[in-house]
Amino acid sequence: MASSVLRPLVAFATASFTAAQTQYFEVLSYRGPSQCTRCQCLNVNAEMCREHRVGFSLREKGCQNGKICTNCVYGNGSAPTICECENPPYSVIAKYNEACSMGMECGEGEGICFRPCETFLHVTTCPTSYCHWDQFALQCTEKPAEMPTVYWTDTSTGATPAQVGSEVIQNTEPAAAYFPMSLAEFRKSAIGFRIQGRIVENVTEPEALFLQLDKNVDGAISATEFQRLPEVLTKLDQAVTQTRILEEKRAQAAAAAALLAGRRLQNGAKEQVTPEVCNARSPRQYYCSFDQDCKIDCQACGWKSATDRAFSICVRPSPEVCYADGGRVYCASDERCHPPGDCSNCVDRTVVDHAQHSC
């Protein structure tokens, strides 16, 4: 009975391990703002108990003999944070209605010992409600006041994207209270903002704008990097203009194709064009369902600009369709297929995702 129960469990574990080994995983050479941190265990014989590379990896192990992993040398964007085990800070538990001090800590459930932040000498005793542990000075300091979110929508009506960017920069003062800015804070401030009537999230990913500003790719925007916001918004406005022009051309092409199809019906055209007919022509052509005609290049078939070579028809672009058409990649900005491994002309999506066959 036991062996019959264990067999499916072993098979499931083996299948899960095999799936994990074949699962695509790419470690970026730079820190992406939305990149997950990969967690691993340290060797039990290692002297350190924690190695943290922010945005890349977190490696830990437990401490023994009641020690805690808090003796840290904090790193930066290039060096990891290294921690070793140490004895917890010595303190005596103060009972209810007894005076508390640097050596007399309140017991569990007895509240906190409200006193100046600089009198808390260890990271574990520094209260997070009104104090903050300075990782570089290694001391407990007063928690900076929380500043209100600067929303891009709270700018002058009718302002150009460049003017909006300048106003947002002026509103993020003092800079020390707003920077460095994380992706979550950046995304929150851009909520509801529109360019030419289009919500910015529907035009491009906030992460793409974030990466344009984050020049040193450390996962946070500094006050100096944020000064480029007017330039970035201006480029985005130009990209929206180009998209509108392209959409108008597609609409005109679709209208012309529908008009041509209507005329053919009125004239009683007897020739029936099918994908097989287009495939038999020389050079090979592809069937466009809009005007029911053969096209040498599907770029002339409205929004069905991708080629399905297996069935000789023009279809709507997608990552799978583009990849099947000679290994090309899909660009969501213009909804078209781009040359294999080349996203340089894809607005706001210039990096190739080879796993998803898209920009």
Foldseek 3Di string as FASTA:
>chain_A
DVVVVVVVVVVVVVVVVVCVVPDDDDQDPFAALPADAAEEEDDPPDQWAWWDQPRYYIYGDDDPPQWDFFQWQPDANVGTITTGTDHDDAADEDDPPGQAFLRYFHDPPRDGRDDAQQSPQGPVNRDPPFWDQDNVVRGIHGDDDADDQQALVPDDPPDALLRSLVVSLVVCPPQVNCPQDALVSQVVNLPPDDAPRHRVVVQDNSSLVVPQLPVVRSRTHHSVSSNCRSVSSVVSNVLVVVLVVLLVVLVVLLVVLQVLLVVCVVVVDPDQADLVNQCPDVVRWAAAPSNRDTHNALCSRRQLRFADVVSRYRGFADLVRLCVVVHWAAAPNNRDTDRHQAQCVRPSDGHADSVSRYD
